[in-house]
N, C-alpha and C. Protein backbone atom coordinates (compact mmCIF):
# COMPACT_ATOMS: atom_id res chain seq x y z
N MET A 1 -152.78 64.69 92.21
CA MET A 1 -153.04 63.60 93.13
C MET A 1 -151.98 62.51 92.90
N SER A 2 -151.31 62.10 93.94
CA SER A 2 -150.24 61.12 93.80
C SER A 2 -150.80 59.70 93.81
N PHE A 3 -149.95 58.79 93.38
CA PHE A 3 -150.32 57.37 93.33
C PHE A 3 -150.69 56.86 94.71
N LEU A 4 -149.88 57.19 95.72
CA LEU A 4 -150.15 56.70 97.08
C LEU A 4 -151.45 57.24 97.65
N SER A 5 -151.76 58.48 97.33
CA SER A 5 -153.02 59.03 97.83
C SER A 5 -154.22 58.35 97.18
N ILE A 6 -154.09 58.00 95.90
CA ILE A 6 -155.17 57.28 95.22
C ILE A 6 -155.34 55.89 95.82
N VAL A 7 -154.21 55.21 96.08
CA VAL A 7 -154.25 53.88 96.68
C VAL A 7 -154.91 53.94 98.05
N GLN A 8 -154.56 54.93 98.85
CA GLN A 8 -155.13 55.02 100.19
C GLN A 8 -156.59 55.44 100.16
N GLN A 9 -156.96 56.19 99.14
CA GLN A 9 -158.35 56.61 99.05
C GLN A 9 -159.24 55.48 98.51
N TYR A 10 -158.73 54.68 97.58
CA TYR A 10 -159.48 53.58 96.97
C TYR A 10 -158.66 52.28 97.03
N PRO A 11 -158.45 51.72 98.21
CA PRO A 11 -157.55 50.57 98.32
C PRO A 11 -158.06 49.30 97.63
N ARG A 12 -159.35 49.04 97.71
CA ARG A 12 -159.87 47.82 97.10
C ARG A 12 -159.75 47.86 95.57
N VAL A 13 -160.15 48.96 95.00
CA VAL A 13 -160.04 49.11 93.55
C VAL A 13 -158.58 49.09 93.13
N SER A 14 -157.73 49.72 93.89
CA SER A 14 -156.29 49.77 93.57
C SER A 14 -155.66 48.39 93.56
N ILE A 15 -155.95 47.57 94.55
CA ILE A 15 -155.35 46.24 94.60
C ILE A 15 -155.89 45.37 93.48
N ILE A 16 -157.14 45.53 93.14
CA ILE A 16 -157.72 44.76 92.03
C ILE A 16 -157.08 45.16 90.71
N VAL A 17 -156.90 46.46 90.48
CA VAL A 17 -156.26 46.93 89.25
C VAL A 17 -154.81 46.45 89.19
N MET A 18 -154.09 46.54 90.30
CA MET A 18 -152.70 46.08 90.34
C MET A 18 -152.60 44.58 90.07
N ALA A 19 -153.49 43.82 90.68
CA ALA A 19 -153.47 42.36 90.48
C ALA A 19 -153.75 42.01 89.03
N LEU A 20 -154.72 42.69 88.42
CA LEU A 20 -155.02 42.43 87.01
C LEU A 20 -153.84 42.82 86.12
N ALA A 21 -153.19 43.92 86.42
CA ALA A 21 -152.04 44.36 85.62
C ALA A 21 -150.90 43.36 85.71
N VAL A 22 -150.58 42.91 86.91
CA VAL A 22 -149.49 41.95 87.10
C VAL A 22 -149.84 40.62 86.46
N THR A 23 -151.06 40.17 86.62
CA THR A 23 -151.48 38.91 86.02
C THR A 23 -151.43 38.98 84.51
N PHE A 24 -151.82 40.12 83.95
CA PHE A 24 -151.76 40.28 82.50
C PHE A 24 -150.31 40.25 82.01
N LEU A 25 -149.41 40.92 82.73
CA LEU A 25 -148.00 40.90 82.34
C LEU A 25 -147.41 39.49 82.41
N ILE A 26 -147.74 38.76 83.44
CA ILE A 26 -147.27 37.37 83.55
C ILE A 26 -147.82 36.53 82.40
N SER A 27 -149.09 36.73 82.07
CA SER A 27 -149.69 35.99 80.95
C SER A 27 -149.01 36.34 79.63
N LEU A 28 -148.68 37.61 79.45
CA LEU A 28 -147.96 38.02 78.23
C LEU A 28 -146.58 37.38 78.15
N ILE A 29 -145.88 37.35 79.26
CA ILE A 29 -144.56 36.71 79.29
C ILE A 29 -144.70 35.24 78.95
N ASN A 30 -145.70 34.57 79.52
CA ASN A 30 -145.95 33.17 79.19
C ASN A 30 -146.28 33.00 77.71
N TYR A 31 -147.05 33.93 77.17
CA TYR A 31 -147.44 33.86 75.76
C TYR A 31 -146.21 33.88 74.85
N PHE A 32 -145.24 34.71 75.18
CA PHE A 32 -144.08 34.85 74.31
C PHE A 32 -142.97 33.83 74.58
N PHE A 33 -142.91 33.26 75.77
CA PHE A 33 -141.80 32.38 76.11
C PHE A 33 -142.15 30.89 76.16
N LEU A 34 -143.43 30.55 76.22
CA LEU A 34 -143.81 29.15 76.27
C LEU A 34 -143.88 28.55 74.86
N ASP A 35 -143.52 27.30 74.74
CA ASP A 35 -143.72 26.56 73.50
C ASP A 35 -145.13 25.97 73.60
N LYS A 36 -146.10 26.76 73.17
CA LYS A 36 -147.51 26.43 73.39
C LYS A 36 -147.92 25.12 72.71
N GLU A 37 -147.45 24.89 71.50
CA GLU A 37 -147.83 23.67 70.79
C GLU A 37 -147.30 22.43 71.50
N ARG A 38 -146.05 22.48 71.93
CA ARG A 38 -145.47 21.33 72.63
C ARG A 38 -146.21 21.07 73.95
N LEU A 39 -146.54 22.13 74.68
CA LEU A 39 -147.27 21.96 75.95
C LEU A 39 -148.66 21.38 75.72
N ARG A 40 -149.33 21.83 74.66
CA ARG A 40 -150.65 21.26 74.35
C ARG A 40 -150.53 19.77 74.03
N GLU A 41 -149.51 19.44 73.25
CA GLU A 41 -149.27 18.03 72.90
C GLU A 41 -149.01 17.19 74.15
N LEU A 42 -148.17 17.71 75.05
CA LEU A 42 -147.87 16.99 76.28
C LEU A 42 -149.11 16.82 77.15
N LYS A 43 -149.93 17.88 77.25
CA LYS A 43 -151.16 17.80 78.05
C LYS A 43 -152.11 16.75 77.48
N THR A 44 -152.23 16.72 76.16
CA THR A 44 -153.11 15.75 75.53
C THR A 44 -152.64 14.34 75.80
N ARG A 45 -151.33 14.11 75.65
CA ARG A 45 -150.78 12.77 75.91
C ARG A 45 -150.95 12.40 77.38
N GLN A 46 -150.80 13.39 78.27
CA GLN A 46 -150.95 13.12 79.70
C GLN A 46 -152.39 12.72 80.02
N LYS A 47 -153.37 13.39 79.43
CA LYS A 47 -154.77 13.05 79.66
C LYS A 47 -155.08 11.64 79.15
N GLU A 48 -154.54 11.30 77.98
CA GLU A 48 -154.76 9.96 77.44
C GLU A 48 -154.14 8.90 78.34
N THR A 49 -152.94 9.17 78.82
CA THR A 49 -152.25 8.22 79.69
C THR A 49 -153.01 8.06 81.01
N GLN A 50 -153.51 9.15 81.56
CA GLN A 50 -154.28 9.07 82.80
C GLN A 50 -155.55 8.25 82.59
N LYS A 51 -156.17 8.38 81.44
CA LYS A 51 -157.36 7.60 81.13
C LYS A 51 -157.01 6.11 81.08
N GLN A 52 -155.87 5.78 80.44
CA GLN A 52 -155.42 4.39 80.37
C GLN A 52 -155.10 3.84 81.76
N ILE A 53 -154.48 4.67 82.59
CA ILE A 53 -154.15 4.26 83.96
C ILE A 53 -155.42 3.90 84.72
N ARG A 54 -156.43 4.76 84.63
CA ARG A 54 -157.70 4.47 85.32
C ARG A 54 -158.33 3.17 84.82
N GLU A 55 -158.28 2.97 83.50
CA GLU A 55 -158.85 1.73 82.94
C GLU A 55 -158.11 0.50 83.47
N HIS A 56 -156.79 0.56 83.52
CA HIS A 56 -156.01 -0.58 84.00
C HIS A 56 -156.23 -0.81 85.50
N GLN A 57 -156.39 0.27 86.26
CA GLN A 57 -156.64 0.12 87.69
C GLN A 57 -158.01 -0.51 87.92
N GLN A 58 -158.99 -0.10 87.16
CA GLN A 58 -160.33 -0.65 87.32
C GLN A 58 -160.41 -2.12 86.91
N SER A 59 -159.58 -2.49 85.93
CA SER A 59 -159.59 -3.89 85.49
C SER A 59 -158.68 -4.77 86.34
N GLY A 60 -157.98 -4.16 87.29
CA GLY A 60 -157.13 -4.93 88.20
C GLY A 60 -155.71 -5.13 87.72
N ASN A 61 -155.33 -4.52 86.63
CA ASN A 61 -153.98 -4.66 86.08
C ASN A 61 -153.11 -3.53 86.65
N HIS A 62 -152.74 -3.66 87.92
CA HIS A 62 -152.02 -2.60 88.61
C HIS A 62 -150.58 -2.46 88.12
N GLU A 63 -149.99 -3.55 87.65
CA GLU A 63 -148.61 -3.46 87.15
C GLU A 63 -148.53 -2.57 85.92
N LYS A 64 -149.48 -2.74 85.00
CA LYS A 64 -149.52 -1.92 83.78
C LYS A 64 -149.79 -0.46 84.14
N ALA A 65 -150.65 -0.23 85.12
CA ALA A 65 -150.94 1.13 85.56
C ALA A 65 -149.70 1.79 86.14
N MET A 66 -148.95 1.04 86.94
CA MET A 66 -147.71 1.57 87.52
C MET A 66 -146.69 1.88 86.42
N GLN A 67 -146.61 1.03 85.41
CA GLN A 67 -145.67 1.25 84.31
C GLN A 67 -146.05 2.52 83.54
N LEU A 68 -147.33 2.72 83.32
CA LEU A 68 -147.78 3.93 82.62
C LEU A 68 -147.47 5.18 83.45
N GLN A 69 -147.63 5.09 84.78
CA GLN A 69 -147.29 6.22 85.63
C GLN A 69 -145.80 6.53 85.55
N LYS A 70 -144.98 5.51 85.52
CA LYS A 70 -143.53 5.72 85.39
C LYS A 70 -143.19 6.34 84.04
N ASP A 71 -143.92 5.94 83.01
CA ASP A 71 -143.68 6.50 81.67
C ASP A 71 -144.11 7.96 81.58
N MET A 72 -145.01 8.37 82.45
CA MET A 72 -145.50 9.76 82.44
C MET A 72 -144.49 10.74 83.05
N VAL A 73 -143.61 10.26 83.90
CA VAL A 73 -142.69 11.14 84.63
C VAL A 73 -141.83 12.00 83.70
N PRO A 74 -141.21 11.43 82.64
CA PRO A 74 -140.40 12.29 81.76
C PRO A 74 -141.21 13.40 81.09
N GLU A 75 -142.45 13.10 80.74
CA GLU A 75 -143.31 14.12 80.13
C GLU A 75 -143.64 15.23 81.13
N MET A 76 -143.88 14.83 82.38
CA MET A 76 -144.15 15.83 83.41
C MET A 76 -142.93 16.71 83.65
N MET A 77 -141.75 16.10 83.61
CA MET A 77 -140.52 16.88 83.78
C MET A 77 -140.33 17.85 82.62
N GLU A 78 -140.67 17.43 81.41
CA GLU A 78 -140.56 18.32 80.26
C GLU A 78 -141.53 19.50 80.39
N MET A 79 -142.74 19.22 80.86
CA MET A 79 -143.71 20.31 81.08
C MET A 79 -143.16 21.29 82.11
N PHE A 80 -142.55 20.76 83.15
CA PHE A 80 -141.96 21.60 84.19
C PHE A 80 -140.84 22.47 83.62
N ARG A 81 -139.98 21.88 82.79
CA ARG A 81 -138.87 22.63 82.19
C ARG A 81 -139.38 23.77 81.31
N HIS A 82 -140.46 23.50 80.57
CA HIS A 82 -141.02 24.55 79.71
C HIS A 82 -141.57 25.71 80.53
N SER A 83 -142.13 25.43 81.68
CA SER A 83 -142.72 26.49 82.49
C SER A 83 -141.69 27.22 83.35
N MET A 84 -140.49 26.69 83.45
CA MET A 84 -139.45 27.32 84.29
C MET A 84 -138.97 28.66 83.71
N LYS A 85 -138.80 28.76 82.41
CA LYS A 85 -138.26 29.97 81.81
C LYS A 85 -139.12 31.21 82.12
N PRO A 86 -140.43 31.16 81.86
CA PRO A 86 -141.25 32.33 82.23
C PRO A 86 -141.24 32.60 83.73
N MET A 87 -141.20 31.54 84.53
CA MET A 87 -141.19 31.74 85.98
C MET A 87 -139.91 32.43 86.42
N LEU A 88 -138.78 32.03 85.86
CA LEU A 88 -137.51 32.67 86.23
C LEU A 88 -137.48 34.13 85.82
N ILE A 89 -138.13 34.46 84.72
CA ILE A 89 -138.18 35.85 84.26
C ILE A 89 -139.02 36.71 85.18
N THR A 90 -140.09 36.15 85.73
CA THR A 90 -141.04 36.95 86.51
C THR A 90 -140.82 36.93 88.02
N ILE A 91 -140.05 36.00 88.55
CA ILE A 91 -140.00 35.81 90.01
C ILE A 91 -139.42 37.02 90.74
N ILE A 92 -138.31 37.57 90.28
CA ILE A 92 -137.69 38.71 90.96
C ILE A 92 -138.59 39.95 90.92
N PRO A 93 -139.11 40.34 89.74
CA PRO A 93 -140.03 41.49 89.73
C PRO A 93 -141.26 41.29 90.62
N ILE A 94 -141.79 40.07 90.67
CA ILE A 94 -142.96 39.81 91.51
C ILE A 94 -142.62 39.97 92.99
N LEU A 95 -141.46 39.47 93.39
CA LEU A 95 -141.05 39.63 94.79
C LEU A 95 -140.88 41.10 95.15
N VAL A 96 -140.29 41.88 94.27
CA VAL A 96 -140.14 43.32 94.50
C VAL A 96 -141.51 43.98 94.57
N PHE A 97 -142.40 43.59 93.66
CA PHE A 97 -143.74 44.14 93.64
C PHE A 97 -144.49 43.83 94.92
N PHE A 98 -144.41 42.59 95.41
CA PHE A 98 -145.10 42.22 96.65
C PHE A 98 -144.55 43.00 97.84
N SER A 99 -143.27 43.24 97.86
CA SER A 99 -142.69 44.05 98.93
C SER A 99 -143.27 45.47 98.89
N PHE A 100 -143.37 46.01 97.68
CA PHE A 100 -143.92 47.35 97.51
C PHE A 100 -145.38 47.42 97.94
N ILE A 101 -146.21 46.46 97.48
CA ILE A 101 -147.63 46.58 97.82
C ILE A 101 -147.89 46.25 99.29
N LYS A 102 -147.05 45.44 99.88
CA LYS A 102 -147.21 45.16 101.31
C LYS A 102 -147.03 46.45 102.10
N LYS A 103 -146.00 47.21 101.76
CA LYS A 103 -145.77 48.50 102.43
C LYS A 103 -146.86 49.50 102.09
N THR A 104 -147.29 49.50 100.85
CA THR A 104 -148.29 50.47 100.40
C THR A 104 -149.63 50.26 101.08
N PHE A 105 -150.06 49.02 101.23
CA PHE A 105 -151.37 48.75 101.80
C PHE A 105 -151.34 48.57 103.31
N ALA A 106 -150.19 48.71 103.93
CA ALA A 106 -150.09 48.56 105.38
C ALA A 106 -150.86 49.64 106.12
N GLU A 107 -151.05 50.77 105.49
CA GLU A 107 -151.72 51.90 106.15
C GLU A 107 -153.13 52.13 105.63
N THR A 108 -153.71 51.14 104.96
CA THR A 108 -155.06 51.31 104.44
C THR A 108 -156.05 50.48 105.26
N ILE A 109 -157.32 50.61 104.92
CA ILE A 109 -158.35 49.88 105.66
C ILE A 109 -158.35 48.40 105.33
N ILE A 110 -157.65 48.01 104.27
CA ILE A 110 -157.57 46.58 103.91
C ILE A 110 -156.18 46.02 104.23
N ALA A 111 -155.53 46.58 105.21
CA ALA A 111 -154.16 46.17 105.56
C ALA A 111 -154.05 44.69 105.87
N SER A 112 -155.05 44.12 106.49
CA SER A 112 -154.96 42.70 106.86
C SER A 112 -155.55 41.77 105.80
N THR A 113 -156.22 42.31 104.78
CA THR A 113 -156.88 41.47 103.79
C THR A 113 -156.45 41.73 102.36
N TRP A 114 -155.48 42.61 102.13
CA TRP A 114 -155.10 42.95 100.76
C TRP A 114 -154.66 41.73 99.97
N PHE A 115 -153.97 40.79 100.64
CA PHE A 115 -153.47 39.61 99.94
C PHE A 115 -154.62 38.79 99.36
N TRP A 116 -155.74 38.67 100.08
CA TRP A 116 -156.86 37.88 99.60
C TRP A 116 -157.53 38.55 98.40
N TYR A 117 -157.62 39.88 98.44
CA TYR A 117 -158.13 40.61 97.27
C TYR A 117 -157.23 40.32 96.07
N TYR A 118 -155.92 40.40 96.30
CA TYR A 118 -154.96 40.16 95.22
C TYR A 118 -155.10 38.73 94.70
N LEU A 119 -155.12 37.75 95.58
CA LEU A 119 -155.16 36.34 95.18
C LEU A 119 -156.40 36.00 94.37
N VAL A 120 -157.56 36.40 94.86
CA VAL A 120 -158.81 36.09 94.14
C VAL A 120 -158.82 36.77 92.77
N THR A 121 -158.41 38.02 92.73
CA THR A 121 -158.37 38.75 91.46
C THR A 121 -157.36 38.12 90.50
N ALA A 122 -156.20 37.72 91.01
CA ALA A 122 -155.17 37.11 90.16
C ALA A 122 -155.64 35.77 89.60
N ILE A 123 -156.33 34.99 90.39
CA ILE A 123 -156.83 33.69 89.90
C ILE A 123 -157.86 33.90 88.80
N ILE A 124 -158.83 34.76 89.06
CA ILE A 124 -159.87 35.02 88.06
C ILE A 124 -159.26 35.66 86.81
N GLY A 125 -158.39 36.66 87.01
CA GLY A 125 -157.73 37.31 85.88
C GLY A 125 -156.86 36.34 85.10
N GLY A 126 -156.16 35.45 85.80
CA GLY A 126 -155.31 34.47 85.13
C GLY A 126 -156.11 33.54 84.24
N ILE A 127 -157.26 33.10 84.73
CA ILE A 127 -158.13 32.23 83.92
C ILE A 127 -158.59 32.97 82.67
N ILE A 128 -159.01 34.21 82.84
CA ILE A 128 -159.50 35.00 81.70
C ILE A 128 -158.38 35.27 80.70
N PHE A 129 -157.22 35.71 81.19
CA PHE A 129 -156.11 36.04 80.29
C PHE A 129 -155.58 34.80 79.58
N ARG A 130 -155.55 33.66 80.25
CA ARG A 130 -155.09 32.43 79.60
C ARG A 130 -156.05 32.04 78.47
N LYS A 131 -157.34 32.24 78.68
CA LYS A 131 -158.31 31.92 77.63
C LYS A 131 -158.18 32.91 76.47
N LEU A 132 -158.04 34.19 76.79
CA LEU A 132 -157.92 35.21 75.74
C LEU A 132 -156.65 35.02 74.91
N LEU A 133 -155.55 34.66 75.56
CA LEU A 133 -154.28 34.47 74.86
C LEU A 133 -154.10 33.05 74.35
N LYS A 134 -155.10 32.19 74.61
CA LYS A 134 -155.07 30.78 74.19
C LYS A 134 -153.81 30.07 74.66
N LEU A 135 -153.52 30.24 75.95
CA LEU A 135 -152.38 29.56 76.56
C LEU A 135 -152.78 28.16 77.01
N PRO A 136 -151.85 27.21 76.98
CA PRO A 136 -152.19 25.84 77.41
C PRO A 136 -152.39 25.77 78.91
């Protein structure tokens, strides 16, 4: 039995398995390429700063709140830079994979809905894999 015949016979299960496999691979790449400690530190500082911003806004000190928001920008840029490396590694294979599955599921009963199966499964799988791998 070939791969395509299995996909056409069980399209829903196939897309769910594929989505979980791709999501797991992306999570593994993130696990090995992210500086997890630095990202956790940045997230913690960002949460504290957001709390201070809310406090200053509620007390009417909008200038201090604006200054804190400006101070947060470099940290946000650093978080973005850290997440770029894994994204650059995975973007081309993901685009090739999406081209493949689009063609593969075009002739199945879920031809118009395969993307939603993939998206929901990837979101749920991503949450689970991030918790299992203790990613920030």
